[in-house]
C-alpha atoms as a PDB file:
ATOM      1  CA  MET A   1      -9.330 -96.274 -10.710  1.00  0.00           C
ATOM      2  CA  ILE A   2     -12.691 -98.236 -11.186  1.00  0.00           C
ATOM      3  CA  GLU A   3     -11.007-101.796 -12.843  1.00  0.00           C
ATOM      4  CA  GLU A   4      -9.364-102.006  -9.484  1.00  0.00           C
ATOM      5  CA  ILE A   5     -12.469-101.435  -7.082  1.00  0.00           C
ATOM      6  CA  LEU A   6     -13.103-105.427  -5.711  1.00  0.00           C
ATOM      7  CA  LEU A   7     -16.912-105.207  -5.815  1.00  0.00           C
ATOM      8  CA  PHE A   8     -17.186-103.151  -9.237  1.00  0.00           C
ATOM      9  CA  GLN A   9     -14.521-106.620 -10.930  1.00  0.00           C
ATOM     10  CA  ILE A  10     -17.429-109.260  -9.078  1.00  0.00           C
ATOM     11  CA  ASP A  11     -20.149-106.992 -10.738  1.00  0.00           C
ATOM     12  CA  LYS A  12     -18.364-106.772 -14.532  1.00  0.00           C
ATOM     13  CA  THR A  13     -18.100-110.699 -13.611  1.00  0.00           C
ATOM     14  CA  SER A  14     -21.334-111.237 -13.574  1.00  0.00           C
ATOM     15  CA  LYS A  15     -22.066-109.397 -16.531  1.00  0.00           C
ATOM     16  CA  VAL A  16     -19.372-110.837 -18.489  1.00  0.00           C
ATOM     17  CA  ALA A  17     -21.066-113.860 -17.439  1.00  0.00           C
ATOM     18  CA  LYS A  18     -24.728-113.578 -18.426  1.00  0.00           C
ATOM     19  CA  GLN A  19     -23.544-112.281 -21.364  1.00  0.00           C
ATOM     20  CA  TYR A  20     -21.739-115.093 -22.198  1.00  0.00           C
ATOM     21  CA  SER A  21     -24.498-117.030 -21.880  1.00  0.00           C
ATOM     22  CA  GLN A  22     -27.327-115.356 -23.006  1.00  0.00           C
ATOM     23  CA  ARG A  23     -25.329-115.427 -26.819  1.00  0.00           C
ATOM     24  CA  GLU A  24     -24.788-119.057 -26.431  1.00  0.00           C
ATOM     25  CA  PHE A  25     -28.587-119.737 -25.925  1.00  0.00           C
ATOM     26  CA  ASP A  26     -29.215-117.043 -28.603  1.00  0.00           C
ATOM     27  CA  ARG A  27     -27.045-118.687 -31.031  1.00  0.00           C
ATOM     28  CA  LEU A  28     -28.532-122.583 -30.017  1.00  0.00           C
ATOM     29  CA  GLY A  29     -32.380-120.915 -30.512  1.00  0.00           C
ATOM     30  CA  LEU A  30     -33.075-121.950 -27.088  1.00  0.00           C
ATOM     31  CA  ASN A  31     -36.152-118.654 -26.944  1.00  0.00           C
ATOM     32  CA  ILE A  32     -34.765-118.055 -23.316  1.00  0.00           C
ATOM     33  CA  THR A  33     -33.194-115.367 -21.124  1.00  0.00           C
ATOM     34  CA  VAL A  34     -30.481-115.862 -18.361  1.00  0.00           C
ATOM     35  CA  GLU A  35     -33.227-114.491 -15.595  1.00  0.00           C
ATOM     36  CA  GLN A  36     -35.256-117.253 -17.141  1.00  0.00           C
ATOM     37  CA  TRP A  37     -33.059-120.267 -17.090  1.00  0.00           C
ATOM     38  CA  ILE A  38     -32.035-119.701 -13.145  1.00  0.00           C
ATOM     39  CA  LEU A  39     -35.899-119.462 -12.459  1.00  0.00           C
ATOM     40  CA  LEU A  40     -36.365-122.663 -13.910  1.00  0.00           C
ATOM     41  CA  LYS A  41     -33.532-124.013 -12.578  1.00  0.00           C
ATOM     42  CA  ILE A  42     -34.205-123.033  -8.972  1.00  0.00           C
ATOM     43  CA  VAL A  43     -37.888-124.691  -9.371  1.00  0.00           C
ATOM     44  CA  HIS A  44     -36.417-127.564 -10.962  1.00  0.00           C
ATOM     45  CA  GLU A  45     -33.981-128.142  -7.682  1.00  0.00           C
ATOM     46  CA  SER A  46     -36.873-127.332  -4.949  1.00  0.00           C
ATOM     47  CA  ASN A  47     -40.206-129.058  -6.796  1.00  0.00           C
ATOM     48  CA  HIS A  48     -42.451-127.062  -5.291  1.00  0.00           C
ATOM     49  CA  ILE A  49     -41.802-123.633  -4.591  1.00  0.00           C
ATOM     50  CA  SER A  50     -43.882-120.320  -3.550  1.00  0.00           C
ATOM     51  CA  GLN A  51     -43.665-117.295  -5.729  1.00  0.00           C
ATOM     52  CA  LYS A  52     -42.438-115.400  -2.538  1.00  0.00           C
ATOM     53  CA  GLU A  53     -39.749-118.003  -2.171  1.00  0.00           C
ATOM     54  CA  LEU A  54     -38.580-118.100  -5.403  1.00  0.00           C
ATOM     55  CA  ALA A  55     -38.411-114.205  -5.672  1.00  0.00           C
ATOM     56  CA  GLU A  56     -36.013-114.811  -2.462  1.00  0.00           C
ATOM     57  CA  LYS A  57     -33.792-117.529  -3.709  1.00  0.00           C
ATOM     58  CA  SER A  58     -33.381-115.544  -7.006  1.00  0.00           C
ATOM     59  CA  LEU A  59     -32.441-112.048  -5.436  1.00  0.00           C
ATOM     60  CA  ARG A  60     -35.251-111.029  -7.618  1.00  0.00           C
ATOM     61  CA  ASP A  61     -38.118-108.826  -6.572  1.00  0.00           C
ATOM     62  CA  PRO A  62     -41.526-110.475  -6.889  1.00  0.00           C
ATOM     63  CA  ALA A  63     -42.900-108.092  -9.434  1.00  0.00           C
ATOM     64  CA  SER A  64     -39.909-108.599 -11.925  1.00  0.00           C
ATOM     65  CA  ILE A  65     -40.623-112.920 -10.854  1.00  0.00           C
ATOM     66  CA  THR A  66     -44.331-112.418 -11.535  1.00  0.00           C
ATOM     67  CA  ARG A  67     -43.691-111.060 -15.130  1.00  0.00           C
ATOM     68  CA  THR A  68     -40.864-113.824 -15.726  1.00  0.00           C
ATOM     69  CA  LEU A  69     -43.403-116.366 -14.632  1.00  0.00           C
ATOM     70  CA  ASP A  70     -46.398-114.968 -16.694  1.00  0.00           C
ATOM     71  CA  LEU A  71     -43.862-115.327 -19.602  1.00  0.00           C
ATOM     72  CA  LEU A  72     -42.974-119.279 -18.582  1.00  0.00           C
ATOM     73  CA  GLN A  73     -46.243-120.287 -18.320  1.00  0.00           C
ATOM     74  CA  LYS A  74     -46.981-118.985 -21.676  1.00  0.00           C
ATOM     75  CA  LYS A  75     -44.211-120.965 -22.974  1.00  0.00           C
ATOM     76  CA  GLU A  76     -45.626-123.834 -20.905  1.00  0.00           C
ATOM     77  CA  LEU A  77     -42.349-124.597 -19.117  1.00  0.00           C
ATOM     78  CA  ILE A  78     -44.267-124.628 -15.689  1.00  0.00           C
ATOM     79  CA  ASN A  79     -47.336-124.755 -13.678  1.00  0.00           C
ATOM     80  CA  ARG A  80     -48.938-122.310 -11.205  1.00  0.00           C
ATOM     81  CA  LEU A  81     -50.884-124.034  -8.193  1.00  0.00           C
ATOM     82  CA  PRO A  82     -52.941-122.418  -6.039  1.00  0.00           C
ATOM     83  CA  ILE A  83     -52.048-123.059  -2.352  1.00  0.00           C
ATOM     84  CA  PRO A  84     -54.918-124.203  -0.660  1.00  0.00           C
ATOM     85  CA  GLU A  85     -56.618-121.282   1.629  1.00  0.00           C
ATOM     86  CA  ASN A  86     -54.233-118.665   0.451  1.00  0.00           C
ATOM     87  CA  ARG A  87     -55.587-117.114  -2.951  1.00  0.00           C
ATOM     88  CA  ARG A  88     -52.977-114.690  -3.629  1.00  0.00           C
ATOM     89  CA  GLN A  89     -49.860-116.930  -3.797  1.00  0.00           C
ATOM     90  CA  TYR A  90     -49.259-119.650  -5.921  1.00  0.00           C
ATOM     91  CA  ASN A  91     -46.873-122.859  -5.644  1.00  0.00           C
ATOM     92  CA  ILE A  92     -44.631-123.124  -8.961  1.00  0.00           C
ATOM     93  CA  ASN A  93     -43.412-126.460 -10.429  1.00  0.00           C
ATOM     94  CA  LEU A  94     -42.224-127.716 -13.848  1.00  0.00           C
ATOM     95  CA  SER A  95     -44.615-128.814 -16.440  1.00  0.00           C
ATOM     96  CA  LYS A  96     -43.821-131.968 -18.158  1.00  0.00           C
ATOM     97  CA  LYS A  97     -42.028-129.564 -21.353  1.00  0.00           C
ATOM     98  CA  GLY A  98     -40.666-127.510 -18.988  1.00  0.00           C
ATOM     99  CA  ALA A  99     -38.848-130.761 -16.848  1.00  0.00           C
ATOM    100  CA  ALA A 100     -37.719-131.781 -20.470  1.00  0.00           C
ATOM    101  CA  PHE A 101     -35.987-128.463 -21.277  1.00  0.00           C
ATOM    102  CA  VAL A 102     -34.104-128.329 -18.077  1.00  0.00           C
ATOM    103  CA  GLN A 103     -32.864-131.737 -18.461  1.00  0.00           C
ATOM    104  CA  LYS A 104     -32.272-131.384 -22.237  1.00  0.00           C
ATOM    105  CA  ASN A 105     -30.050-128.171 -21.393  1.00  0.00           C
ATOM    106  CA  MET A 106     -28.202-129.080 -18.126  1.00  0.00           C
ATOM    107  CA  PRO A 107     -25.229-129.692 -20.463  1.00  0.00           C
ATOM    108  CA  ILE A 108     -25.077-126.335 -22.087  1.00  0.00           C
ATOM    109  CA  VAL A 109     -25.220-124.682 -18.675  1.00  0.00           C
ATOM    110  CA  ASP A 110     -22.597-127.216 -16.916  1.00  0.00           C
ATOM    111  CA  ALA A 111     -20.778-126.488 -20.421  1.00  0.00           C
ATOM    112  CA  HIS A 112     -20.635-122.731 -19.252  1.00  0.00           C
ATOM    113  CA  ARG A 113     -19.867-123.271 -16.069  1.00  0.00           C
ATOM    114  CA  LYS A 114     -16.669-125.370 -16.918  1.00  0.00           C
ATOM    115  CA  LYS A 115     -15.820-122.604 -19.233  1.00  0.00           C
ATOM    116  CA  SER A 116     -15.769-119.815 -16.645  1.00  0.00           C
ATOM    117  CA  ILE A 117     -13.462-121.636 -14.430  1.00  0.00           C
ATOM    118  CA  GLU A 118     -10.661-123.080 -17.152  1.00  0.00           C
ATOM    119  CA  GLY A 119      -7.192-122.485 -15.640  1.00  0.00           C
ATOM    120  CA  LEU A 120      -8.378-122.524 -11.966  1.00  0.00           C
ATOM    121  CA  SER A 121      -7.023-125.212  -9.825  1.00  0.00           C
ATOM    122  CA  GLU A 122      -9.813-127.018  -7.353  1.00  0.00           C
ATOM    123  CA  LYS A 123      -7.869-125.238  -4.487  1.00  0.00           C
ATOM    124  CA  ASP A 124      -8.607-121.788  -6.249  1.00  0.00           C
ATOM    125  CA  GLN A 125     -11.917-122.447  -6.985  1.00  0.00           C
ATOM    126  CA  GLN A 126     -12.467-122.984  -3.155  1.00  0.00           C
ATOM    127  CA  THR A 127     -10.314-119.920  -1.858  1.00  0.00           C
ATOM    128  CA  LEU A 128     -12.159-117.933  -4.431  1.00  0.00           C
ATOM    129  CA  ASN A 129     -15.319-119.318  -3.328  1.00  0.00           C
ATOM    130  CA  ASN A 130     -14.685-118.813   0.267  1.00  0.00           C
ATOM    131  CA  LEU A 131     -13.932-115.384  -0.312  1.00  0.00           C
ATOM    132  CA  LEU A 132     -16.771-114.474  -2.072  1.00  0.00           C
ATOM    133  CA  LYS A 133     -19.125-115.720   0.724  1.00  0.00           C
ATOM    134  CA  ARG A 134     -17.242-113.862   3.262  1.00  0.00           C
ATOM    135  CA  ILE A 135     -17.942-110.402   1.101  1.00  0.00           C
ATOM    136  CA  GLN A 136     -21.767-111.788   0.992  1.00  0.00           C
ATOM    137  CA  GLU A 137     -21.704-112.406   4.577  1.00  0.00           C
ATOM    138  CA  ASN A 138     -19.870-108.516   5.331  1.00  0.00           C
ATOM    139  CA  MET A 139     -22.211-106.940   2.813  1.00  0.00           C
ATOM    140  CA  ASN A 140     -25.291-108.967   5.086  1.00  0.00           C
END
């Protein structure tokens, strides 16, 4: 049965987690998608990051990154800064509004993370993390 296939369960878990977070984002009126949040968080952690590096870190294709960055720029949450001597690439950083948005909403995301691991001991979490990393290494 498909429910017994480990990779199916991993994918299902990821989708359920994203759906939960999106429902909460919508309920709170954040006007942002989980994918947009992920990019904002990566940019926040990286300070200046190229669009290419952002695509690699987020595991998304460059075309979808461009579309999402367009939306984030329209919401005035990011800045695109030209890279000297490279007219086709940009560095991305958070605008003041974007930095404030991330700072303000981190507690919400932290609460989602805590909910996802309810009932798991520290040892369970470490074991699960190690197993997932091993699966990722096997598939790379």
